[in-house]
Amino acid sequence: PLPEYKDPEYIGHGKDQQVIDPFGEGIEERQRLRLAELGLERYAFVLLARVQGLVEAADGGGNSPPEVWSALAEATSLGLRHVGLSGFRPDECREAAAELAAAEAARGGEEGTAGALRVRAAAERAQRVVEEYTDAAVAALGPAATRLGAALGVPDTTARVFA
């Protein structure tokens, strides 16, 4: 079984805090931790895909109950925290997630459109972080997918789907 880590900061910096000899006994624990991390990534992908579906189904938000938007804000905040734990701009991810959560929590008590504008500003900040992450991932992985496709004889149009 995996060791229990109660402190989320420890999880995010576990790679830096643990020195594991790649040829020693610690490799098994490192492998279990990596498999757990991959499982969390899969879960985050499913969660955020469901969030996207809710946003698309919300029809601009005019007809959606406040609970939908609260759930969307919470899921987006969790997704940002996960991206930060992966090592991509951790401070910015943590701050954007906290800002979004705080804006959503305060939205109910703010008069008029001020609360909605605050949530929108926080959501736009989160969107910028996600776009930067996507651009970095595509830049890092895109050329490899194209080269691998060419090496395997995959048509260029098909390989570009994964680039």
N, C-alpha and C. Protein backbone atom coordinates (compact mmCIF):
# COMPACT_ATOMS: atom_id res chain seq x y z
N PRO A 1 0.82 -1.19 0.00
CA PRO A 1 0.00 0.00 0.00
C PRO A 1 0.87 1.25 0.00
N LEU A 2 0.28 2.32 -0.54
CA LEU A 2 0.99 3.60 -0.58
C LEU A 2 1.07 4.21 0.80
N PRO A 3 2.16 4.92 1.08
CA PRO A 3 2.22 5.63 2.36
C PRO A 3 1.21 6.76 2.36
N GLU A 4 0.71 7.11 3.54
CA GLU A 4 -0.28 8.18 3.64
C GLU A 4 0.46 9.51 3.79
N TYR A 5 0.16 10.43 2.87
CA TYR A 5 0.72 11.77 2.94
C TYR A 5 -0.43 12.71 3.23
N LYS A 6 -0.46 13.28 4.39
CA LYS A 6 -1.55 14.14 4.80
C LYS A 6 -1.37 15.57 4.30
N ASP A 7 -0.16 16.00 4.10
CA ASP A 7 0.13 17.38 3.72
C ASP A 7 0.18 17.49 2.20
N PRO A 8 -0.77 18.26 1.57
CA PRO A 8 -0.76 18.38 0.11
C PRO A 8 0.52 19.03 -0.42
N GLU A 9 1.14 19.87 0.38
CA GLU A 9 2.40 20.48 -0.06
C GLU A 9 3.48 19.41 -0.22
N TYR A 10 3.44 18.39 0.64
CA TYR A 10 4.41 17.31 0.55
C TYR A 10 4.24 16.54 -0.75
N ILE A 11 2.97 16.33 -1.13
CA ILE A 11 2.70 15.59 -2.37
C ILE A 11 3.28 16.35 -3.55
N GLY A 12 3.08 17.66 -3.60
CA GLY A 12 3.54 18.46 -4.72
C GLY A 12 5.05 18.53 -4.82
N HIS A 13 5.73 18.39 -3.70
CA HIS A 13 7.18 18.52 -3.72
C HIS A 13 7.87 17.22 -3.36
N GLY A 14 7.12 16.13 -3.39
CA GLY A 14 7.67 14.84 -3.00
C GLY A 14 8.87 14.44 -3.82
N LYS A 15 8.89 14.82 -5.09
CA LYS A 15 10.01 14.46 -5.95
C LYS A 15 11.29 15.11 -5.46
N ASP A 16 11.16 16.35 -4.96
CA ASP A 16 12.33 17.08 -4.50
C ASP A 16 12.75 16.65 -3.10
N GLN A 17 11.80 16.23 -2.28
CA GLN A 17 12.09 15.92 -0.90
C GLN A 17 12.62 14.51 -0.71
N GLN A 18 12.30 13.62 -1.61
CA GLN A 18 12.75 12.25 -1.47
C GLN A 18 13.93 12.02 -2.40
N VAL A 19 14.95 11.43 -1.87
CA VAL A 19 16.08 11.02 -2.70
C VAL A 19 16.01 9.51 -2.74
N ILE A 20 15.66 8.99 -3.90
CA ILE A 20 15.49 7.55 -4.04
C ILE A 20 16.57 7.04 -4.98
N ASP A 21 17.31 6.07 -4.50
CA ASP A 21 18.34 5.44 -5.31
C ASP A 21 17.64 4.63 -6.39
N PRO A 22 17.86 4.96 -7.70
CA PRO A 22 17.14 4.25 -8.76
C PRO A 22 17.46 2.76 -8.81
N PHE A 23 18.55 2.35 -8.18
CA PHE A 23 18.91 0.93 -8.21
C PHE A 23 18.69 0.27 -6.86
N GLY A 24 18.11 1.01 -5.92
CA GLY A 24 17.91 0.47 -4.58
C GLY A 24 16.47 0.05 -4.35
N GLU A 25 16.14 -0.12 -3.10
CA GLU A 25 14.81 -0.59 -2.73
C GLU A 25 13.73 0.46 -2.95
N GLY A 26 14.08 1.74 -2.98
CA GLY A 26 13.11 2.81 -3.11
C GLY A 26 12.44 2.88 -4.46
N ILE A 27 12.94 2.18 -5.44
CA ILE A 27 12.36 2.25 -6.78
C ILE A 27 10.93 1.72 -6.80
N GLU A 28 10.64 0.73 -5.97
CA GLU A 28 9.27 0.19 -5.93
C GLU A 28 8.29 1.24 -5.41
N GLU A 29 8.69 1.96 -4.37
CA GLU A 29 7.82 3.00 -3.84
C GLU A 29 7.65 4.12 -4.87
N ARG A 30 8.71 4.48 -5.52
CA ARG A 30 8.65 5.52 -6.54
C ARG A 30 7.71 5.11 -7.67
N GLN A 31 7.77 3.85 -8.06
CA GLN A 31 6.89 3.35 -9.11
C GLN A 31 5.43 3.37 -8.66
N ARG A 32 5.16 2.98 -7.43
CA ARG A 32 3.78 3.03 -6.90
C ARG A 32 3.27 4.46 -6.86
N LEU A 33 4.13 5.40 -6.44
CA LEU A 33 3.72 6.80 -6.40
C LEU A 33 3.43 7.33 -7.80
N ARG A 34 4.25 6.94 -8.76
CA ARG A 34 4.03 7.39 -10.15
C ARG A 34 2.74 6.80 -10.70
N LEU A 35 2.45 5.55 -10.40
CA LEU A 35 1.19 4.95 -10.85
C LEU A 35 -0.01 5.64 -10.20
N ALA A 36 0.13 6.00 -8.94
CA ALA A 36 -0.94 6.75 -8.27
C ALA A 36 -1.12 8.12 -8.93
N GLU A 37 -0.01 8.77 -9.28
CA GLU A 37 -0.08 10.06 -9.95
C GLU A 37 -0.77 9.94 -11.31
N LEU A 38 -0.47 8.89 -12.05
CA LEU A 38 -1.12 8.67 -13.34
C LEU A 38 -2.62 8.43 -13.16
N GLY A 39 -2.98 7.70 -12.12
CA GLY A 39 -4.40 7.49 -11.84
C GLY A 39 -5.11 8.79 -11.53
N LEU A 40 -4.46 9.66 -10.76
CA LEU A 40 -5.03 10.97 -10.46
C LEU A 40 -5.16 11.81 -11.72
N GLU A 41 -4.19 11.73 -12.62
CA GLU A 41 -4.27 12.47 -13.88
C GLU A 41 -5.46 12.00 -14.71
N ARG A 42 -5.67 10.68 -14.77
CA ARG A 42 -6.82 10.15 -15.50
C ARG A 42 -8.12 10.64 -14.88
N TYR A 43 -8.20 10.61 -13.56
CA TYR A 43 -9.40 11.06 -12.88
C TYR A 43 -9.63 12.55 -13.14
N ALA A 44 -8.56 13.34 -13.08
CA ALA A 44 -8.69 14.78 -13.33
C ALA A 44 -9.17 15.03 -14.76
N PHE A 45 -8.68 14.25 -15.71
CA PHE A 45 -9.11 14.41 -17.09
C PHE A 45 -10.61 14.15 -17.22
N VAL A 46 -11.08 13.07 -16.60
CA VAL A 46 -12.50 12.74 -16.65
C VAL A 46 -13.32 13.84 -15.98
N LEU A 47 -12.87 14.28 -14.82
CA LEU A 47 -13.58 15.32 -14.08
C LEU A 47 -13.68 16.60 -14.91
N LEU A 48 -12.57 17.03 -15.47
CA LEU A 48 -12.58 18.27 -16.24
C LEU A 48 -13.33 18.13 -17.56
N ALA A 49 -13.36 16.93 -18.14
CA ALA A 49 -14.17 16.70 -19.34
C ALA A 49 -15.66 16.83 -18.99
N ARG A 50 -16.04 16.33 -17.81
CA ARG A 50 -17.43 16.49 -17.37
C ARG A 50 -17.75 17.96 -17.13
N VAL A 51 -16.79 18.70 -16.59
CA VAL A 51 -16.99 20.13 -16.37
C VAL A 51 -17.23 20.82 -17.71
N GLN A 52 -16.43 20.47 -18.69
CA GLN A 52 -16.60 21.06 -20.02
C GLN A 52 -18.00 20.75 -20.56
N GLY A 53 -18.46 19.53 -20.37
CA GLY A 53 -19.80 19.17 -20.81
C GLY A 53 -20.88 19.97 -20.10
N LEU A 54 -20.69 20.21 -18.81
CA LEU A 54 -21.65 21.03 -18.06
C LEU A 54 -21.66 22.47 -18.57
N VAL A 55 -20.48 22.99 -18.86
CA VAL A 55 -20.40 24.36 -19.38
C VAL A 55 -21.12 24.47 -20.71
N GLU A 56 -20.88 23.49 -21.59
CA GLU A 56 -21.53 23.52 -22.89
C GLU A 56 -23.04 23.35 -22.77
N ALA A 57 -23.48 22.56 -21.79
CA ALA A 57 -24.91 22.34 -21.60
C ALA A 57 -25.58 23.51 -20.87
N ALA A 58 -24.79 24.37 -20.26
CA ALA A 58 -25.35 25.46 -19.46
C ALA A 58 -25.99 26.55 -20.30
N ASP A 59 -25.74 26.55 -21.59
CA ASP A 59 -26.36 27.51 -22.49
C ASP A 59 -26.11 28.96 -22.04
N GLY A 60 -24.83 29.27 -21.85
CA GLY A 60 -24.48 30.63 -21.49
C GLY A 60 -24.67 30.96 -20.03
N GLY A 61 -25.21 30.07 -19.26
CA GLY A 61 -25.33 30.27 -17.83
C GLY A 61 -26.59 30.98 -17.39
N GLY A 62 -27.34 31.55 -18.31
CA GLY A 62 -28.52 32.29 -17.91
C GLY A 62 -29.58 31.44 -17.25
N ASN A 63 -29.69 30.18 -17.65
CA ASN A 63 -30.74 29.32 -17.11
C ASN A 63 -30.22 28.31 -16.09
N SER A 64 -28.94 28.38 -15.76
CA SER A 64 -28.36 27.38 -14.86
C SER A 64 -28.51 27.81 -13.41
N PRO A 65 -28.82 26.86 -12.55
CA PRO A 65 -28.91 27.19 -11.12
C PRO A 65 -27.52 27.50 -10.56
N PRO A 66 -27.44 28.27 -9.49
CA PRO A 66 -26.15 28.63 -8.91
C PRO A 66 -25.30 27.42 -8.50
N GLU A 67 -25.96 26.32 -8.15
CA GLU A 67 -25.21 25.13 -7.75
C GLU A 67 -24.32 24.61 -8.87
N VAL A 68 -24.79 24.75 -10.12
CA VAL A 68 -23.99 24.29 -11.26
C VAL A 68 -22.71 25.09 -11.33
N TRP A 69 -22.84 26.41 -11.20
CA TRP A 69 -21.65 27.25 -11.31
C TRP A 69 -20.71 27.06 -10.13
N SER A 70 -21.25 26.78 -8.96
CA SER A 70 -20.40 26.49 -7.80
C SER A 70 -19.61 25.21 -8.02
N ALA A 71 -20.28 24.19 -8.56
CA ALA A 71 -19.59 22.93 -8.86
C ALA A 71 -18.53 23.12 -9.94
N LEU A 72 -18.85 23.91 -10.95
CA LEU A 72 -17.87 24.17 -12.01
C LEU A 72 -16.65 24.90 -11.48
N ALA A 73 -16.89 25.90 -10.62
CA ALA A 73 -15.77 26.65 -10.04
C ALA A 73 -14.91 25.76 -9.17
N GLU A 74 -15.54 24.89 -8.38
CA GLU A 74 -14.78 23.99 -7.51
C GLU A 74 -13.96 23.00 -8.34
N ALA A 75 -14.55 22.44 -9.36
CA ALA A 75 -13.83 21.48 -10.20
C ALA A 75 -12.67 22.16 -10.93
N THR A 76 -12.89 23.36 -11.42
CA THR A 76 -11.83 24.09 -12.10
C THR A 76 -10.70 24.42 -11.13
N SER A 77 -11.06 24.81 -9.92
CA SER A 77 -10.06 25.11 -8.90
C SER A 77 -9.23 23.88 -8.58
N LEU A 78 -9.88 22.73 -8.44
CA LEU A 78 -9.15 21.48 -8.19
C LEU A 78 -8.25 21.12 -9.36
N GLY A 79 -8.74 21.33 -10.58
CA GLY A 79 -7.93 21.06 -11.76
C GLY A 79 -6.69 21.93 -11.81
N LEU A 80 -6.85 23.19 -11.47
CA LEU A 80 -5.69 24.10 -11.44
C LEU A 80 -4.67 23.66 -10.39
N ARG A 81 -5.17 23.24 -9.24
CA ARG A 81 -4.25 22.77 -8.20
C ARG A 81 -3.48 21.54 -8.68
N HIS A 82 -4.15 20.67 -9.40
CA HIS A 82 -3.50 19.47 -9.93
C HIS A 82 -2.41 19.85 -10.94
N VAL A 83 -2.72 20.79 -11.82
CA VAL A 83 -1.72 21.25 -12.79
C VAL A 83 -0.52 21.83 -12.04
N GLY A 84 -0.77 22.59 -10.99
CA GLY A 84 0.32 23.15 -10.20
C GLY A 84 1.16 22.08 -9.54
N LEU A 85 0.51 21.01 -9.06
CA LEU A 85 1.26 19.92 -8.44
C LEU A 85 2.15 19.20 -9.45
N SER A 86 1.80 19.28 -10.72
CA SER A 86 2.63 18.64 -11.74
C SER A 86 3.93 19.39 -11.96
N GLY A 87 4.03 20.60 -11.39
CA GLY A 87 5.25 21.37 -11.52
C GLY A 87 5.15 22.55 -12.47
N PHE A 88 4.02 22.69 -13.16
CA PHE A 88 3.85 23.80 -14.10
C PHE A 88 3.37 25.03 -13.35
N ARG A 89 4.22 26.03 -13.25
CA ARG A 89 3.91 27.31 -12.60
C ARG A 89 3.08 27.11 -11.33
N PRO A 90 3.63 26.40 -10.35
CA PRO A 90 2.85 26.03 -9.17
C PRO A 90 2.28 27.23 -8.41
N ASP A 91 3.04 28.30 -8.29
CA ASP A 91 2.53 29.47 -7.56
C ASP A 91 1.34 30.10 -8.28
N GLU A 92 1.45 30.25 -9.58
CA GLU A 92 0.36 30.85 -10.37
C GLU A 92 -0.88 29.96 -10.32
N CYS A 93 -0.69 28.65 -10.44
CA CYS A 93 -1.83 27.73 -10.38
C CYS A 93 -2.51 27.78 -9.02
N ARG A 94 -1.71 27.79 -7.96
CA ARG A 94 -2.27 27.84 -6.61
C ARG A 94 -3.03 29.15 -6.39
N GLU A 95 -2.45 30.27 -6.84
CA GLU A 95 -3.11 31.56 -6.66
C GLU A 95 -4.38 31.67 -7.49
N ALA A 96 -4.34 31.19 -8.74
CA ALA A 96 -5.54 31.25 -9.59
C ALA A 96 -6.65 30.37 -9.02
N ALA A 97 -6.28 29.20 -8.51
CA ALA A 97 -7.28 28.31 -7.91
C ALA A 97 -7.89 28.94 -6.67
N ALA A 98 -7.06 29.53 -5.84
CA ALA A 98 -7.56 30.17 -4.62
C ALA A 98 -8.44 31.37 -4.95
N GLU A 99 -8.04 32.14 -5.95
CA GLU A 99 -8.83 33.31 -6.36
C GLU A 99 -10.20 32.88 -6.88
N LEU A 100 -10.23 31.82 -7.68
CA LEU A 100 -11.50 31.34 -8.21
C LEU A 100 -12.40 30.82 -7.09
N ALA A 101 -11.84 30.07 -6.18
CA ALA A 101 -12.63 29.55 -5.07
C ALA A 101 -13.16 30.68 -4.19
N ALA A 102 -12.32 31.67 -3.91
CA ALA A 102 -12.74 32.80 -3.08
C ALA A 102 -13.81 33.64 -3.78
N ALA A 103 -13.65 33.85 -5.07
CA ALA A 103 -14.63 34.64 -5.82
C ALA A 103 -15.98 33.93 -5.84
N GLU A 104 -15.96 32.63 -6.03
CA GLU A 104 -17.22 31.87 -6.05
C GLU A 104 -17.87 31.86 -4.68
N ALA A 105 -17.06 31.73 -3.63
CA ALA A 105 -17.61 31.72 -2.27
C ALA A 105 -18.23 33.08 -1.91
N ALA A 106 -17.63 34.16 -2.40
CA ALA A 106 -18.11 35.50 -2.07
C ALA A 106 -19.24 35.96 -2.99
N ARG A 107 -19.43 35.26 -4.10
CA ARG A 107 -20.41 35.69 -5.11
C ARG A 107 -21.81 35.83 -4.54
N GLY A 108 -22.22 34.91 -3.70
CA GLY A 108 -23.58 34.95 -3.15
C GLY A 108 -23.85 36.17 -2.29
N GLY A 109 -22.83 36.67 -1.61
CA GLY A 109 -23.03 37.79 -0.71
C GLY A 109 -22.85 39.16 -1.35
N GLU A 110 -22.34 39.21 -2.57
CA GLU A 110 -22.09 40.49 -3.22
C GLU A 110 -23.32 40.95 -3.98
N GLU A 111 -23.58 42.23 -3.91
CA GLU A 111 -24.75 42.82 -4.55
C GLU A 111 -24.53 42.99 -6.06
N GLY A 112 -25.60 42.89 -6.81
CA GLY A 112 -25.58 43.18 -8.24
C GLY A 112 -24.64 42.28 -9.02
N THR A 113 -23.99 42.91 -9.98
CA THR A 113 -23.13 42.14 -10.87
C THR A 113 -21.69 42.08 -10.39
N ALA A 114 -21.37 42.70 -9.26
CA ALA A 114 -19.99 42.72 -8.77
C ALA A 114 -19.47 41.30 -8.54
N GLY A 115 -20.29 40.45 -7.92
CA GLY A 115 -19.87 39.07 -7.67
C GLY A 115 -19.65 38.30 -8.95
N ALA A 116 -20.54 38.49 -9.90
CA ALA A 116 -20.40 37.79 -11.18
C ALA A 116 -19.15 38.26 -11.92
N LEU A 117 -18.87 39.55 -11.85
CA LEU A 117 -17.68 40.08 -12.51
C LEU A 117 -16.39 39.56 -11.87
N ARG A 118 -16.42 39.41 -10.56
CA ARG A 118 -15.25 38.88 -9.86
C ARG A 118 -15.01 37.42 -10.25
N VAL A 119 -16.08 36.64 -10.32
CA VAL A 119 -15.95 35.24 -10.75
C VAL A 119 -15.45 35.18 -12.19
N ARG A 120 -15.97 36.04 -13.04
CA ARG A 120 -15.54 36.04 -14.43
C ARG A 120 -14.06 36.38 -14.55
N ALA A 121 -13.59 37.37 -13.80
CA ALA A 121 -12.17 37.72 -13.83
C ALA A 121 -11.31 36.56 -13.35
N ALA A 122 -11.75 35.88 -12.30
CA ALA A 122 -11.00 34.73 -11.79
C ALA A 122 -11.01 33.59 -12.81
N ALA A 123 -12.14 33.38 -13.47
CA ALA A 123 -12.24 32.33 -14.49
C ALA A 123 -11.35 32.64 -15.69
N GLU A 124 -11.26 33.91 -16.06
CA GLU A 124 -10.39 34.29 -17.18
C GLU A 124 -8.92 34.08 -16.81
N ARG A 125 -8.56 34.34 -15.56
CA ARG A 125 -7.18 34.08 -15.12
C ARG A 125 -6.90 32.59 -15.19
N ALA A 126 -7.86 31.78 -14.73
CA ALA A 126 -7.70 30.33 -14.80
C ALA A 126 -7.57 29.87 -16.25
N GLN A 127 -8.35 30.46 -17.13
CA GLN A 127 -8.29 30.10 -18.54
C GLN A 127 -6.91 30.42 -19.13
N ARG A 128 -6.33 31.55 -18.75
CA ARG A 128 -5.00 31.90 -19.25
C ARG A 128 -3.95 30.88 -18.79
N VAL A 129 -4.05 30.45 -17.54
CA VAL A 129 -3.11 29.44 -17.02
C VAL A 129 -3.26 28.14 -17.80
N VAL A 130 -4.50 27.72 -18.02
CA VAL A 130 -4.74 26.47 -18.74
C VAL A 130 -4.24 26.57 -20.18
N GLU A 131 -4.45 27.72 -20.83
CA GLU A 131 -3.98 27.90 -22.20
C GLU A 131 -2.45 27.85 -22.26
N GLU A 132 -1.78 28.46 -21.27
CA GLU A 132 -0.31 28.40 -21.24
C GLU A 132 0.16 26.96 -21.05
N TYR A 133 -0.53 26.22 -20.19
CA TYR A 133 -0.17 24.82 -19.96
C TYR A 133 -0.37 24.00 -21.23
N THR A 134 -1.49 24.23 -21.90
CA THR A 134 -1.77 23.51 -23.15
C THR A 134 -0.72 23.82 -24.20
N ASP A 135 -0.38 25.10 -24.34
CA ASP A 135 0.65 25.50 -25.31
C ASP A 135 1.99 24.84 -25.00
N ALA A 136 2.35 24.80 -23.70
CA ALA A 136 3.62 24.18 -23.31
C ALA A 136 3.60 22.68 -23.60
N ALA A 137 2.47 22.02 -23.32
CA ALA A 137 2.37 20.58 -23.58
C ALA A 137 2.44 20.28 -25.07
N VAL A 138 1.75 21.08 -25.87
CA VAL A 138 1.78 20.87 -27.32
C VAL A 138 3.18 21.12 -27.86
N ALA A 139 3.84 22.17 -27.38
CA ALA A 139 5.19 22.46 -27.84
C ALA A 139 6.16 21.34 -27.47
N ALA A 140 5.96 20.74 -26.29
CA ALA A 140 6.86 19.68 -25.84
C ALA A 140 6.58 18.35 -26.51
N LEU A 141 5.31 18.05 -26.75
CA LEU A 141 4.95 16.72 -27.24
C LEU A 141 4.59 16.67 -28.71
N GLY A 142 4.21 17.79 -29.29
CA GLY A 142 3.77 17.82 -30.68
C GLY A 142 4.79 17.30 -31.67
N PRO A 143 6.03 17.82 -31.65
CA PRO A 143 7.02 17.33 -32.61
C PRO A 143 7.31 15.84 -32.46
N ALA A 144 7.27 15.33 -31.23
CA ALA A 144 7.52 13.91 -31.02
C ALA A 144 6.43 13.06 -31.67
N ALA A 145 5.18 13.50 -31.55
CA ALA A 145 4.08 12.75 -32.16
C ALA A 145 4.21 12.75 -33.68
N THR A 146 4.59 13.88 -34.24
CA THR A 146 4.76 13.97 -35.69
C THR A 146 5.89 13.06 -36.16
N ARG A 147 7.03 13.09 -35.44
CA ARG A 147 8.17 12.24 -35.83
C ARG A 147 7.83 10.76 -35.67
N LEU A 148 7.15 10.40 -34.58
CA LEU A 148 6.78 9.02 -34.36
C LEU A 148 5.82 8.54 -35.44
N GLY A 149 4.86 9.38 -35.80
CA GLY A 149 3.92 9.02 -36.87
C GLY A 149 4.62 8.78 -38.19
N ALA A 150 5.57 9.66 -38.51
CA ALA A 150 6.33 9.49 -39.75
C ALA A 150 7.15 8.21 -39.72
N ALA A 151 7.76 7.91 -38.58
CA ALA A 151 8.58 6.71 -38.45
C ALA A 151 7.75 5.43 -38.57
N LEU A 152 6.49 5.50 -38.13
CA LEU A 152 5.62 4.33 -38.20
C LEU A 152 4.82 4.25 -39.50
N GLY A 153 4.99 5.25 -40.36
CA GLY A 153 4.27 5.25 -41.63
C GLY A 153 2.83 5.70 -41.52
N VAL A 154 2.49 6.40 -40.45
CA VAL A 154 1.14 6.92 -40.27
C VAL A 154 0.97 8.14 -41.17
N PRO A 155 -0.17 8.25 -41.86
CA PRO A 155 -0.38 9.44 -42.70
C PRO A 155 -0.21 10.72 -41.90
N ASP A 156 0.37 11.72 -42.53
CA ASP A 156 0.68 12.99 -41.86
C ASP A 156 -0.57 13.62 -41.24
N THR A 157 -1.70 13.55 -41.93
CA THR A 157 -2.93 14.16 -41.40
C THR A 157 -3.36 13.47 -40.10
N THR A 158 -3.15 12.18 -40.01
CA THR A 158 -3.51 11.44 -38.78
C THR A 158 -2.54 11.77 -37.67
N ALA A 159 -1.24 11.83 -37.96
CA ALA A 159 -0.24 12.13 -36.95
C ALA A 159 -0.43 13.52 -36.37
N ARG A 160 -0.89 14.46 -37.18
CA ARG A 160 -1.08 15.83 -36.69
C ARG A 160 -2.22 15.92 -35.67
N VAL A 161 -3.14 14.96 -35.67
CA VAL A 161 -4.20 14.96 -34.67
C VAL A 161 -3.59 14.84 -33.28
N PHE A 162 -2.50 14.08 -33.16
CA PHE A 162 -1.87 13.87 -31.87
C PHE A 162 -0.74 14.83 -31.60
N ALA A 163 -0.46 15.70 -32.55
CA ALA A 163 0.63 16.67 -32.39
C ALA A 163 0.15 17.93 -31.71
